[in-house]
Amino acid sequence: MNTYDLKGKRALVTGGGSGIGLATARLYLQSGAQVAIWGRNPDKLETARRDLSEFGDVLTASVDVSDADQVGSAARALLSEWGGLDILFNCAGHSVAFGPFPTLSLDVWRQAHAINLDSVFHTCQAFLPGMLDRGWGRIINTTSQAAKDGSPQMSPYVSAKAGVIGLTKSLGRELAATGVLVNAICPTVFETPLVDEMSGKSPGAMDAAVKMIPMQRMGRPEEAAEMVAWLSSPGCSFNAGTVFDLSGGRAVY
């Protein structure tokens, strides 16, 4: 695993208790950053904190990032502790539900957008002012290959993740000259709890997705973490509003 020059940087990972978020938190620590992770499950956060302890101290907070009030409160606490934030990795997400579009409830639609899209809005609004004041920051959002291709019976999740692409491109261009760079990663299927959850809801769907990947395997969280860590570093200096595919050759557009 490579390391990146993140000494002195303060990084927050939402959805940092497992999967890509946890792997990225580990690489941030190995690269010299201070790290905080947010998640909804206190037990999972404590397990993650213990797993990461050999690399450094980690701040944890149980936060539902779909809730603006919770994000605001947790952000104020973190900023009070650290004095600022340099890197924001929005990795929290949830598949919510599958089903034919005509049977979907408005509650399911709103829930999917709240956790997958509104959460990015909330965290960016909480931390962006400080980054702009200092003239430096990195925001990395997480979308999905499904947002580009579409996926049957997943319209709430897919449309929310497509919204993340639009927000990333718009905010990236808006802030490109400020020193605050906004980009996104676009994974296909990875070995994560979210993919395990999706597999349980739609048996065979993940097998079919893997068959569409020329490398003929799922991605590993550590592979995504490498991309995120670079996007978080000073070495990433000429990318803004870019969505980086992590698809094993599936996406070539």
C-alpha atoms as a PDB file:
ATOM      1  CA  MET A   1       0.000   0.000   0.000  1.00  0.00           C
ATOM      2  CA  ASN A   2       1.261   3.476  -0.892  1.00  0.00           C
ATOM      3  CA  THR A   3       1.185   6.419   1.486  1.00  0.00           C
ATOM      4  CA  TYR A   4       0.519  10.046   0.675  1.00  0.00           C
ATOM      5  CA  ASP A   5       1.689  13.333   2.145  1.00  0.00           C
ATOM      6  CA  LEU A   6      -1.151  14.107   4.534  1.00  0.00           C
ATOM      7  CA  LYS A   7       0.908  15.192   7.538  1.00  0.00           C
ATOM      8  CA  GLY A   8      -0.911  17.901   9.459  1.00  0.00           C
ATOM      9  CA  LYS A   9      -4.171  17.350   7.581  1.00  0.00           C
ATOM     10  CA  ARG A  10      -7.427  16.766   9.441  1.00  0.00           C
ATOM     11  CA  ALA A  11      -9.759  14.281   7.741  1.00  0.00           C
ATOM     12  CA  LEU A  12     -13.331  13.176   8.334  1.00  0.00           C
ATOM     13  CA  VAL A  13     -14.758   9.985   6.851  1.00  0.00           C
ATOM     14  CA  THR A  14     -18.517   9.502   6.925  1.00  0.00           C
ATOM     15  CA  GLY A  15     -19.532   5.865   6.783  1.00  0.00           C
ATOM     16  CA  GLY A  16     -16.101   5.144   8.210  1.00  0.00           C
ATOM     17  CA  GLY A  17     -17.025   2.089  10.220  1.00  0.00           C
ATOM     18  CA  SER A  18     -16.558  -0.453   7.446  1.00  0.00           C
ATOM     19  CA  GLY A  19     -15.766  -1.064   3.801  1.00  0.00           C
ATOM     20  CA  ILE A  20     -14.219   1.670   1.692  1.00  0.00           C
ATOM     21  CA  GLY A  21     -14.613   4.234   4.462  1.00  0.00           C
ATOM     22  CA  LEU A  22     -12.692   2.146   6.976  1.00  0.00           C
ATOM     23  CA  ALA A  23      -9.948   1.294   4.478  1.00  0.00           C
ATOM     24  CA  THR A  24      -9.563   4.978   3.653  1.00  0.00           C
ATOM     25  CA  ALA A  25      -9.436   5.994   7.319  1.00  0.00           C
ATOM     26  CA  ARG A  26      -6.608   3.469   7.776  1.00  0.00           C
ATOM     27  CA  LEU A  27      -4.653   4.867   4.818  1.00  0.00           C
ATOM     28  CA  TYR A  28      -5.211   8.436   6.001  1.00  0.00           C
ATOM     29  CA  LEU A  29      -3.668   7.512   9.352  1.00  0.00           C
ATOM     30  CA  GLN A  30      -0.752   5.742   7.699  1.00  0.00           C
ATOM     31  CA  SER A  31      -0.196   8.882   5.624  1.00  0.00           C
ATOM     32  CA  GLY A  32       0.044  11.114   8.683  1.00  0.00           C
ATOM     33  CA  ALA A  33      -3.427  12.643   8.901  1.00  0.00           C
ATOM     34  CA  GLN A  34      -5.617  13.114  11.949  1.00  0.00           C
ATOM     35  CA  VAL A  35      -8.795  11.114  11.397  1.00  0.00           C
ATOM     36  CA  ALA A  36     -12.383  11.186  12.578  1.00  0.00           C
ATOM     37  CA  ILE A  37     -15.034   8.721  11.479  1.00  0.00           C
ATOM     38  CA  TRP A  38     -18.803   9.062  11.627  1.00  0.00           C
ATOM     39  CA  GLY A  39     -21.376   6.326  11.370  1.00  0.00           C
ATOM     40  CA  ARG A  40     -24.789   5.336  12.689  1.00  0.00           C
ATOM     41  CA  ASN A  41     -23.783   2.180  14.566  1.00  0.00           C
ATOM     42  CA  PRO A  42     -21.857   2.880  17.803  1.00  0.00           C
ATOM     43  CA  ASP A  43     -20.711  -0.742  18.138  1.00  0.00           C
ATOM     44  CA  LYS A  44     -19.326  -0.770  14.608  1.00  0.00           C
ATOM     45  CA  LEU A  45     -17.577   2.547  15.230  1.00  0.00           C
ATOM     46  CA  GLU A  46     -15.948   1.225  18.398  1.00  0.00           C
ATOM     47  CA  THR A  47     -14.756  -1.876  16.561  1.00  0.00           C
ATOM     48  CA  ALA A  48     -13.316   0.337  13.821  1.00  0.00           C
ATOM     49  CA  ARG A  49     -11.612   2.568  16.385  1.00  0.00           C
ATOM     50  CA  ARG A  50      -9.926  -0.444  17.977  1.00  0.00           C
ATOM     51  CA  ASP A  51      -8.883  -1.795  14.574  1.00  0.00           C
ATOM     52  CA  LEU A  52      -7.335   1.558  13.668  1.00  0.00           C
ATOM     53  CA  SER A  53      -5.684   2.201  17.032  1.00  0.00           C
ATOM     54  CA  GLU A  54      -2.357   0.678  15.965  1.00  0.00           C
ATOM     55  CA  PHE A  55      -2.059   3.453  13.375  1.00  0.00           C
ATOM     56  CA  GLY A  56      -3.144   6.350  15.580  1.00  0.00           C
ATOM     57  CA  ASP A  57      -5.934   7.857  17.628  1.00  0.00           C
ATOM     58  CA  VAL A  58      -9.300   8.229  15.918  1.00  0.00           C
ATOM     59  CA  LEU A  59     -12.228  10.399  16.906  1.00  0.00           C
ATOM     60  CA  THR A  60     -15.596   8.696  16.462  1.00  0.00           C
ATOM     61  CA  ALA A  61     -19.144  10.006  16.593  1.00  0.00           C
ATOM     62  CA  SER A  62     -22.494   8.330  16.061  1.00  0.00           C
ATOM     63  CA  VAL A  63     -24.141  10.569  13.461  1.00  0.00           C
ATOM     64  CA  ASP A  64     -27.033  10.069  11.069  1.00  0.00           C
ATOM     65  CA  VAL A  65     -25.739  12.183   8.193  1.00  0.00           C
ATOM     66  CA  SER A  66     -29.195  12.330   6.626  1.00  0.00           C
ATOM     67  CA  ASP A  67     -30.238  14.510   9.587  1.00  0.00           C
ATOM     68  CA  ALA A  68     -29.119  18.137   9.178  1.00  0.00           C
ATOM     69  CA  ASP A  69     -29.353  18.862  12.906  1.00  0.00           C
ATOM     70  CA  GLN A  70     -27.181  15.885  13.833  1.00  0.00           C
ATOM     71  CA  VAL A  71     -24.600  16.845  11.217  1.00  0.00           C
ATOM     72  CA  GLY A  72     -24.548  20.433  12.426  1.00  0.00           C
ATOM     73  CA  SER A  73     -24.087  19.436  16.059  1.00  0.00           C
ATOM     74  CA  ALA A  74     -21.366  16.876  15.310  1.00  0.00           C
ATOM     75  CA  ALA A  75     -19.588  19.283  12.966  1.00  0.00           C
ATOM     76  CA  ARG A  76     -19.471  21.992  15.603  1.00  0.00           C
ATOM     77  CA  ALA A  77     -18.038  19.521  18.108  1.00  0.00           C
ATOM     78  CA  LEU A  78     -15.367  18.350  15.663  1.00  0.00           C
ATOM     79  CA  LEU A  79     -14.394  21.876  14.655  1.00  0.00           C
ATOM     80  CA  SER A  80     -14.166  22.856  18.313  1.00  0.00           C
ATOM     81  CA  GLU A  81     -11.853  19.893  18.953  1.00  0.00           C
ATOM     82  CA  TRP A  82      -9.615  20.365  15.934  1.00  0.00           C
ATOM     83  CA  GLY A  83     -10.035  23.992  14.940  1.00  0.00           C
ATOM     84  CA  GLY A  84     -10.815  23.085  11.340  1.00  0.00           C
ATOM     85  CA  LEU A  85     -11.145  20.345   8.742  1.00  0.00           C
ATOM     86  CA  ASP A  86      -9.009  19.883   5.643  1.00  0.00           C
ATOM     87  CA  ILE A  87     -10.421  16.704   4.078  1.00  0.00           C
ATOM     88  CA  LEU A  88     -14.003  15.478   3.861  1.00  0.00           C
ATOM     89  CA  PHE A  89     -14.670  12.017   2.449  1.00  0.00           C
ATOM     90  CA  ASN A  90     -18.398  11.430   2.047  1.00  0.00           C
ATOM     91  CA  CYS A  91     -18.643   7.647   2.030  1.00  0.00           C
ATOM     92  CA  ALA A  92     -21.914   7.058   3.897  1.00  0.00           C
ATOM     93  CA  GLY A  93     -24.594   5.361   1.837  1.00  0.00           C
ATOM     94  CA  HIS A  94     -27.395   2.866   1.980  1.00  0.00           C
ATOM     95  CA  SER A  95     -29.316   0.889  -0.611  1.00  0.00           C
ATOM     96  CA  VAL A  96     -32.669   1.353   1.236  1.00  0.00           C
ATOM     97  CA  ALA A  97     -34.979  -0.802  -0.903  1.00  0.00           C
ATOM     98  CA  PHE A  98     -35.505  -2.605  -4.168  1.00  0.00           C
ATOM     99  CA  GLY A  99     -38.749  -2.930  -6.055  1.00  0.00           C
ATOM    100  CA  PRO A 100     -40.724  -2.052  -9.177  1.00  0.00           C
ATOM    101  CA  PHE A 101     -41.113   1.693  -9.553  1.00  0.00           C
ATOM    102  CA  PRO A 102     -44.954   1.729  -9.461  1.00  0.00           C
ATOM    103  CA  THR A 103     -44.925   0.076  -6.034  1.00  0.00           C
ATOM    104  CA  LEU A 104     -42.395   2.418  -4.404  1.00  0.00           C
ATOM    105  CA  SER A 105     -43.589   4.631  -1.593  1.00  0.00           C
ATOM    106  CA  LEU A 106     -42.706   8.280  -1.247  1.00  0.00           C
ATOM    107  CA  ASP A 107     -41.123   7.466   2.123  1.00  0.00           C
ATOM    108  CA  VAL A 108     -38.711   5.009   0.493  1.00  0.00           C
ATOM    109  CA  TRP A 109     -37.866   7.555  -2.215  1.00  0.00           C
ATOM    110  CA  ARG A 110     -37.156  10.260   0.341  1.00  0.00           C
ATOM    111  CA  GLN A 111     -35.161   7.949   2.586  1.00  0.00           C
ATOM    112  CA  ALA A 112     -32.885   6.948  -0.288  1.00  0.00           C
ATOM    113  CA  HIS A 113     -32.235  10.556  -1.220  1.00  0.00           C
ATOM    114  CA  ALA A 114     -31.772  11.618   2.398  1.00  0.00           C
ATOM    115  CA  ILE A 115     -28.962   9.167   3.131  1.00  0.00           C
ATOM    116  CA  ASN A 116     -27.285   9.122  -0.278  1.00  0.00           C
ATOM    117  CA  LEU A 117     -27.658  12.728  -1.502  1.00  0.00           C
ATOM    118  CA  ASP A 118     -28.904  15.059   1.228  1.00  0.00           C
ATOM    119  CA  SER A 119     -26.137  13.798   3.497  1.00  0.00           C
ATOM    120  CA  VAL A 120     -23.520  15.142   1.088  1.00  0.00           C
ATOM    121  CA  PHE A 121     -25.275  18.507   1.029  1.00  0.00           C
ATOM    122  CA  HIS A 122     -25.337  18.615   4.846  1.00  0.00           C
ATOM    123  CA  THR A 123     -21.660  17.806   5.362  1.00  0.00           C
ATOM    124  CA  CYS A 124     -20.448  20.087   2.585  1.00  0.00           C
ATOM    125  CA  GLN A 125     -22.430  22.980   4.013  1.00  0.00           C
ATOM    126  CA  ALA A 126     -21.052  22.295   7.495  1.00  0.00           C
ATOM    127  CA  PHE A 127     -17.366  22.180   6.580  1.00  0.00           C
ATOM    128  CA  LEU A 128     -16.971  24.117   3.341  1.00  0.00           C
ATOM    129  CA  PRO A 129     -16.946  27.633   4.894  1.00  0.00           C
ATOM    130  CA  GLY A 130     -13.861  26.851   6.965  1.00  0.00           C
ATOM    131  CA  MET A 131     -12.051  25.346   3.987  1.00  0.00           C
ATOM    132  CA  LEU A 132     -12.812  28.428   1.916  1.00  0.00           C
ATOM    133  CA  ASP A 133     -11.583  30.710   4.688  1.00  0.00           C
ATOM    134  CA  ARG A 134      -8.247  28.851   4.735  1.00  0.00           C
ATOM    135  CA  GLY A 135      -8.020  28.578   0.958  1.00  0.00           C
ATOM    136  CA  TRP A 136      -7.411  24.822   0.949  1.00  0.00           C
ATOM    137  CA  GLY A 137      -9.547  21.724   1.183  1.00  0.00           C
ATOM    138  CA  ARG A 138     -10.442  18.438  -0.433  1.00  0.00           C
ATOM    139  CA  ILE A 139     -13.951  16.999  -0.664  1.00  0.00           C
ATOM    140  CA  ILE A 140     -14.385  13.524  -2.110  1.00  0.00           C
ATOM    141  CA  ASN A 141     -17.881  12.181  -2.656  1.00  0.00           C
ATOM    142  CA  THR A 142     -18.968   8.618  -3.365  1.00  0.00           C
ATOM    143  CA  THR A 143     -21.366   7.799  -6.165  1.00  0.00           C
ATOM    144  CA  SER A 144     -21.957   4.505  -7.994  1.00  0.00           C
ATOM    145  CA  GLN A 145     -21.595   2.959 -11.425  1.00  0.00           C
ATOM    146  CA  ALA A 146     -25.331   2.338 -11.221  1.00  0.00           C
ATOM    147  CA  ALA A 147     -25.817   6.110 -11.330  1.00  0.00           C
ATOM    148  CA  LYS A 148     -24.302   6.168 -14.814  1.00  0.00           C
ATOM    149  CA  ASP A 149     -25.866   3.015 -16.212  1.00  0.00           C
ATOM    150  CA  GLY A 150     -29.206   2.830 -14.414  1.00  0.00           C
ATOM    151  CA  SER A 151     -30.380  -0.322 -12.699  1.00  0.00           C
ATOM    152  CA  PRO A 152     -33.829  -1.919 -12.740  1.00  0.00           C
ATOM    153  CA  GLN A 153     -35.810  -1.772  -9.488  1.00  0.00           C
ATOM    154  CA  MET A 154     -33.199   0.473  -7.842  1.00  0.00           C
ATOM    155  CA  SER A 155     -34.461   3.874  -8.972  1.00  0.00           C
ATOM    156  CA  PRO A 156     -34.383   5.604  -5.543  1.00  0.00           C
ATOM    157  CA  TYR A 157     -30.744   4.647  -4.923  1.00  0.00           C
ATOM    158  CA  VAL A 158     -29.654   5.209  -8.526  1.00  0.00           C
ATOM    159  CA  SER A 159     -31.264   8.637  -8.836  1.00  0.00           C
ATOM    160  CA  ALA A 160     -29.771   9.757  -5.514  1.00  0.00           C
ATOM    161  CA  LYS A 161     -26.295   8.660  -6.554  1.00  0.00           C
ATOM    162  CA  ALA A 162     -26.765  10.380  -9.920  1.00  0.00           C
ATOM    163  CA  GLY A 163     -27.526  13.496  -7.913  1.00  0.00           C
ATOM    164  CA  VAL A 164     -24.153  13.120  -6.192  1.00  0.00           C
ATOM    165  CA  ILE A 165     -22.493  13.160  -9.616  1.00  0.00           C
ATOM    166  CA  GLY A 166     -24.324  16.361 -10.521  1.00  0.00           C
ATOM    167  CA  LEU A 167     -23.501  18.009  -7.198  1.00  0.00           C
ATOM    168  CA  THR A 168     -19.838  17.029  -7.492  1.00  0.00           C
ATOM    169  CA  LYS A 169     -19.520  18.426 -11.018  1.00  0.00           C
ATOM    170  CA  SER A 170     -21.319  21.661 -10.168  1.00  0.00           C
ATOM    171  CA  LEU A 171     -19.574  22.292  -6.855  1.00  0.00           C
ATOM    172  CA  GLY A 172     -16.232  21.268  -8.322  1.00  0.00           C
ATOM    173  CA  ARG A 173     -16.506  23.853 -11.070  1.00  0.00           C
ATOM    174  CA  GLU A 174     -17.872  26.504  -8.710  1.00  0.00           C
ATOM    175  CA  LEU A 175     -14.921  26.149  -6.321  1.00  0.00           C
ATOM    176  CA  ALA A 176     -12.152  25.244  -8.770  1.00  0.00           C
ATOM    177  CA  ALA A 177     -10.186  28.470  -8.272  1.00  0.00           C
ATOM    178  CA  THR A 178     -10.562  28.603  -4.477  1.00  0.00           C
ATOM    179  CA  GLY A 179      -8.089  25.906  -3.442  1.00  0.00           C
ATOM    180  CA  VAL A 180     -10.952  23.664  -2.366  1.00  0.00           C
ATOM    181  CA  LEU A 181     -11.185  20.789  -4.831  1.00  0.00           C
ATOM    182  CA  VAL A 182     -14.314  18.637  -5.055  1.00  0.00           C
ATOM    183  CA  ASN A 183     -14.188  15.285  -6.838  1.00  0.00           C
ATOM    184  CA  ALA A 184     -15.873  11.894  -6.577  1.00  0.00           C
ATOM    185  CA  ILE A 185     -15.202   8.212  -6.894  1.00  0.00           C
ATOM    186  CA  CYS A 186     -17.601   5.994  -8.817  1.00  0.00           C
ATOM    187  CA  PRO A 187     -17.196   2.371  -7.714  1.00  0.00           C
ATOM    188  CA  THR A 188     -18.795  -0.651  -9.255  1.00  0.00           C
ATOM    189  CA  VAL A 189     -19.294  -3.667  -6.964  1.00  0.00           C
ATOM    190  CA  PHE A 190     -16.781  -3.824  -4.107  1.00  0.00           C
ATOM    191  CA  GLU A 191     -16.296  -6.262  -1.246  1.00  0.00           C
ATOM    192  CA  THR A 192     -18.239  -4.187   1.292  1.00  0.00           C
ATOM    193  CA  PRO A 193     -21.156  -4.669   3.697  1.00  0.00           C
ATOM    194  CA  LEU A 194     -23.353  -2.520   1.436  1.00  0.00           C
ATOM    195  CA  VAL A 195     -22.808  -4.896  -1.476  1.00  0.00           C
ATOM    196  CA  ASP A 196     -23.481  -7.845   0.847  1.00  0.00           C
ATOM    197  CA  GLU A 197     -26.762  -6.178   1.793  1.00  0.00           C
ATOM    198  CA  MET A 198     -27.696  -5.622  -1.833  1.00  0.00           C
ATOM    199  CA  SER A 199     -26.858  -9.243  -2.630  1.00  0.00           C
ATOM    200  CA  GLY A 200     -29.255 -10.384   0.078  1.00  0.00           C
ATOM    201  CA  LYS A 201     -32.057  -8.270  -1.334  1.00  0.00           C
ATOM    202  CA  SER A 202     -31.500  -9.279  -4.932  1.00  0.00           C
ATOM    203  CA  PRO A 203     -29.984 -12.776  -5.194  1.00  0.00           C
ATOM    204  CA  GLY A 204     -27.888 -13.185  -8.318  1.00  0.00           C
ATOM    205  CA  ALA A 205     -27.662  -9.463  -9.020  1.00  0.00           C
ATOM    206  CA  MET A 206     -24.095  -9.138  -7.775  1.00  0.00           C
ATOM    207  CA  ASP A 207     -22.989 -12.227  -9.719  1.00  0.00           C
ATOM    208  CA  ALA A 208     -24.394 -10.637 -12.840  1.00  0.00           C
ATOM    209  CA  ALA A 209     -22.641  -7.361 -12.025  1.00  0.00           C
ATOM    210  CA  VAL A 210     -19.282  -9.098 -11.608  1.00  0.00           C
ATOM    211  CA  LYS A 211     -19.684 -10.763 -15.005  1.00  0.00           C
ATOM    212  CA  MET A 212     -19.850  -7.273 -16.531  1.00  0.00           C
ATOM    213  CA  ILE A 213     -16.412  -6.396 -15.129  1.00  0.00           C
ATOM    214  CA  PRO A 214     -13.532  -7.283 -17.504  1.00  0.00           C
ATOM    215  CA  MET A 215     -11.282  -8.075 -14.533  1.00  0.00           C
ATOM    216  CA  GLN A 216     -13.914 -10.641 -13.455  1.00  0.00           C
ATOM    217  CA  ARG A 217     -13.857  -9.791  -9.759  1.00  0.00           C
ATOM    218  CA  MET A 218     -15.148  -7.293  -7.224  1.00  0.00           C
ATOM    219  CA  GLY A 219     -13.012  -4.374  -6.185  1.00  0.00           C
ATOM    220  CA  ARG A 220     -11.267  -4.354  -2.820  1.00  0.00           C
ATOM    221  CA  PRO A 221     -11.796  -1.488  -0.359  1.00  0.00           C
ATOM    222  CA  GLU A 222      -8.042  -0.866  -0.220  1.00  0.00           C
ATOM    223  CA  GLU A 223      -8.032  -0.185  -3.970  1.00  0.00           C
ATOM    224  CA  ALA A 224     -10.635   2.525  -3.585  1.00  0.00           C
ATOM    225  CA  ALA A 225      -8.770   3.964  -0.598  1.00  0.00           C
ATOM    226  CA  GLU A 226      -5.706   4.516  -2.778  1.00  0.00           C
ATOM    227  CA  MET A 227      -7.701   6.714  -5.143  1.00  0.00           C
ATOM    228  CA  VAL A 228      -9.381   8.618  -2.320  1.00  0.00           C
ATOM    229  CA  ALA A 229      -6.096   9.257  -0.535  1.00  0.00           C
ATOM    230  CA  TRP A 230      -4.557  10.710  -3.685  1.00  0.00           C
ATOM    231  CA  LEU A 231      -7.614  12.894  -4.275  1.00  0.00           C
ATOM    232  CA  SER A 232      -7.216  14.091  -0.680  1.00  0.00           C
ATOM    233  CA  SER A 233      -3.581  15.045  -1.068  1.00  0.00           C
ATOM    234  CA  PRO A 234      -1.757  18.163  -2.267  1.00  0.00           C
ATOM    235  CA  GLY A 235      -0.585  16.010  -5.177  1.00  0.00           C
ATOM    236  CA  CYS A 236      -4.091  16.208  -6.605  1.00  0.00           C
ATOM    237  CA  SER A 237      -3.930  19.806  -7.800  1.00  0.00           C
ATOM    238  CA  PHE A 238      -5.511  19.947 -11.275  1.00  0.00           C
ATOM    239  CA  ASN A 239      -8.730  17.990 -10.842  1.00  0.00           C
ATOM    240  CA  ALA A 240     -12.062  19.558  -9.961  1.00  0.00           C
ATOM    241  CA  GLY A 241     -15.565  18.237 -10.506  1.00  0.00           C
ATOM    242  CA  THR A 242     -14.177  14.964 -11.812  1.00  0.00           C
ATOM    243  CA  VAL A 243     -15.799  11.575 -11.258  1.00  0.00           C
ATOM    244  CA  PHE A 244     -13.224   8.786 -11.157  1.00  0.00           C
ATOM    245  CA  ASP A 245     -14.412   5.333 -12.174  1.00  0.00           C
ATOM    246  CA  LEU A 246     -13.329   2.348 -10.108  1.00  0.00           C
ATOM    247  CA  SER A 247     -14.805  -0.372 -12.247  1.00  0.00           C
ATOM    248  CA  GLY A 248     -12.207  -2.960 -13.225  1.00  0.00           C
ATOM    249  CA  GLY A 249     -12.539  -1.898 -16.849  1.00  0.00           C
ATOM    250  CA  ARG A 250     -16.332  -1.888 -16.961  1.00  0.00           C
ATOM    251  CA  ALA A 251     -16.635   1.862 -17.489  1.00  0.00           C
ATOM    252  CA  VAL A 252     -14.598   3.382 -20.292  1.00  0.00           C
ATOM    253  CA  TYR A 253     -16.546   6.615 -20.779  1.00  0.00           C
END
